[in-house]
Amino acid sequence: MLDVLLRWAWIRRRTSAQDIEDFRNGQPLQVVGFTKSIGGAAVASVGRGKQITRTRQGYLRLAVGEAPVWGDRRGGRSATLQSPFGLKLTGEKVPMAPKFERYELVTADGTYDVAVPKKDAELMLYVFGPAQN
């Protein structure tokens, strides 16, 4: 939302380098995103006894010295992620969100899917590091 307001006011968005510098200096940051698996799967019935895993919108709270925390936008679920971490671009498209990229987030507790804005990719890689293959 902030990016939309900045564009309307003809103000340039902060760069990834500025975000990384703020993170290094101890400022907590939030990265919006989508997930199907962090905090547990949410299923939706689609009829005839079939169910699909629903994509949920939320945010990752990132702060130096603290474990990253996922929080659903609607407040129903949250999860604290445990290190070690690794982040891997999947290359899968995010339906109806062309400015987002889908990643596999590897943690001590398992591997999760997460989709974040392309403009936040450098920050995410800085915080989580690349996944070891």
Protein backbone atom coordinates (compact mmCIF):
# COMPACT_ATOMS: atom_id res chain seq x y z
CA MET A 1 0.00 0.00 0.00
CA LEU A 2 2.82 2.38 0.85
CA ASP A 3 4.36 1.84 -2.58
CA VAL A 4 1.07 2.81 -4.25
CA LEU A 5 0.88 6.04 -2.26
CA LEU A 6 4.51 6.86 -3.06
CA ARG A 7 3.89 6.33 -6.78
CA TRP A 8 0.83 8.58 -6.71
CA ALA A 9 2.91 11.30 -5.06
CA TRP A 10 5.71 10.79 -7.62
CA ILE A 11 8.09 9.69 -4.89
CA ARG A 12 10.48 6.87 -5.70
CA ARG A 13 10.26 3.64 -3.76
CA ARG A 14 13.06 2.76 -1.39
CA THR A 15 15.73 0.55 -2.91
CA SER A 16 16.67 -2.94 -1.78
CA ALA A 17 20.04 -1.56 -0.67
CA GLN A 18 18.27 0.92 1.65
CA ASP A 19 16.08 -1.86 3.07
CA ILE A 20 19.11 -4.09 3.69
CA GLU A 21 20.98 -1.21 5.35
CA ASP A 22 17.99 -0.48 7.62
CA PHE A 23 17.75 -4.18 8.49
CA ARG A 24 21.47 -4.31 9.34
CA ASN A 25 21.03 -1.23 11.57
CA GLY A 26 18.35 -2.98 13.60
CA GLN A 27 15.15 -1.62 12.09
CA PRO A 28 12.43 -4.31 11.96
CA LEU A 29 10.89 -4.74 8.50
CA GLN A 30 7.74 -6.37 7.19
CA VAL A 31 7.57 -8.07 3.81
CA VAL A 32 4.09 -8.79 2.46
CA GLY A 33 3.50 -12.10 0.81
CA PHE A 34 1.38 -15.17 0.20
CA THR A 35 1.73 -18.73 1.48
CA LYS A 36 -0.13 -22.01 1.49
CA SER A 37 1.98 -23.76 4.09
CA ILE A 38 3.55 -21.47 6.73
CA GLY A 39 1.53 -21.84 9.93
CA GLY A 40 -0.32 -24.88 8.58
CA ALA A 41 -2.42 -25.43 5.49
CA ALA A 42 -5.86 -23.86 5.22
CA VAL A 43 -8.19 -25.92 3.09
CA ALA A 44 -11.34 -24.84 1.31
CA SER A 45 -14.13 -27.11 0.14
CA VAL A 46 -14.83 -26.88 -3.59
CA GLY A 47 -17.75 -29.29 -3.68
CA ARG A 48 -18.31 -33.03 -4.04
CA GLY A 49 -16.04 -33.69 -1.08
CA LYS A 50 -13.02 -32.12 -2.77
CA GLN A 51 -10.77 -29.69 -0.98
CA ILE A 52 -7.94 -27.43 -2.10
CA THR A 53 -5.20 -25.72 -0.13
CA ARG A 54 -6.00 -22.02 0.06
CA THR A 55 -3.39 -19.30 -0.44
CA ARG A 56 -3.28 -16.87 2.48
CA GLN A 57 -2.03 -13.29 2.45
CA GLY A 58 0.20 -12.09 5.25
CA TYR A 59 3.59 -10.71 6.12
CA LEU A 60 7.02 -11.76 7.34
CA ARG A 61 8.38 -9.69 10.22
CA LEU A 62 12.15 -9.52 9.94
CA ALA A 63 14.40 -8.12 12.68
CA VAL A 64 18.08 -8.62 13.52
CA GLY A 65 18.52 -10.97 16.45
CA GLU A 66 14.92 -12.21 16.33
CA ALA A 67 13.41 -15.23 14.61
CA PRO A 68 11.34 -14.28 11.54
CA VAL A 69 7.60 -14.43 12.19
CA TRP A 70 4.86 -15.05 9.63
CA GLY A 71 1.49 -13.47 10.41
CA ASP A 72 -1.67 -13.92 8.37
CA ARG A 73 -3.31 -10.70 7.24
CA ARG A 74 -6.57 -11.69 8.84
CA GLY A 75 -4.84 -12.62 12.08
CA GLY A 76 -5.87 -16.27 12.17
CA ARG A 77 -2.43 -17.86 12.01
CA SER A 78 1.13 -17.02 12.84
CA ALA A 79 4.35 -18.99 12.95
CA THR A 80 7.86 -18.35 14.21
CA LEU A 81 10.45 -19.70 11.77
CA GLN A 82 13.50 -21.48 13.14
CA SER A 83 17.01 -21.29 11.66
CA PRO A 84 18.98 -22.46 9.74
CA PHE A 85 17.37 -20.94 6.67
CA GLY A 86 17.67 -21.16 2.92
CA LEU A 87 15.68 -19.54 0.11
CA LYS A 88 15.25 -20.95 -3.38
CA LEU A 89 13.39 -19.39 -6.31
CA THR A 90 10.95 -21.94 -7.75
CA GLY A 91 10.18 -20.16 -11.02
CA GLU A 92 6.46 -20.83 -10.59
CA LYS A 93 4.11 -17.97 -11.38
CA VAL A 94 1.90 -16.48 -8.71
CA PRO A 95 -1.69 -16.41 -10.02
CA MET A 96 -3.08 -12.87 -10.29
CA ALA A 97 0.11 -11.37 -8.82
CA PRO A 98 2.63 -10.80 -11.65
CA LYS A 99 4.91 -8.63 -9.48
CA PHE A 100 5.48 -11.49 -7.03
CA GLU A 101 7.90 -14.44 -7.14
CA ARG A 102 7.41 -17.83 -5.51
CA TYR A 103 10.15 -19.28 -3.31
CA GLU A 104 10.81 -22.37 -1.23
CA LEU A 105 11.80 -21.30 2.26
CA VAL A 106 13.82 -24.01 3.97
CA THR A 107 13.84 -23.86 7.78
CA ALA A 108 14.78 -26.20 10.62
CA ASP A 109 11.08 -27.17 10.86
CA GLY A 110 10.58 -27.95 7.17
CA THR A 111 10.20 -26.42 3.74
CA TYR A 112 7.47 -23.87 3.07
CA ASP A 113 6.19 -21.99 0.06
CA VAL A 114 6.19 -18.20 0.11
CA ALA A 115 5.53 -15.61 -2.58
CA VAL A 116 6.96 -12.11 -2.09
CA PRO A 117 7.24 -9.01 -4.28
CA LYS A 118 10.07 -9.17 -6.81
CA LYS A 119 11.38 -5.87 -5.44
CA ASP A 120 11.97 -7.54 -2.03
CA ALA A 121 13.95 -10.49 -3.43
CA GLU A 122 17.37 -9.04 -2.51
CA LEU A 123 16.28 -8.39 1.08
CA MET A 124 14.86 -11.91 1.39
CA LEU A 125 18.07 -13.45 0.05
CA TYR A 126 20.12 -11.29 2.42
CA VAL A 127 18.06 -12.37 5.44
CA PHE A 128 17.58 -16.06 4.62
CA GLY A 129 20.54 -16.83 2.34
CA PRO A 130 20.41 -19.18 -0.65
CA ALA A 131 19.21 -22.75 -0.11
CA GLN A 132 21.84 -25.46 -0.23
CA ASN A 133 21.04 -28.03 -2.92
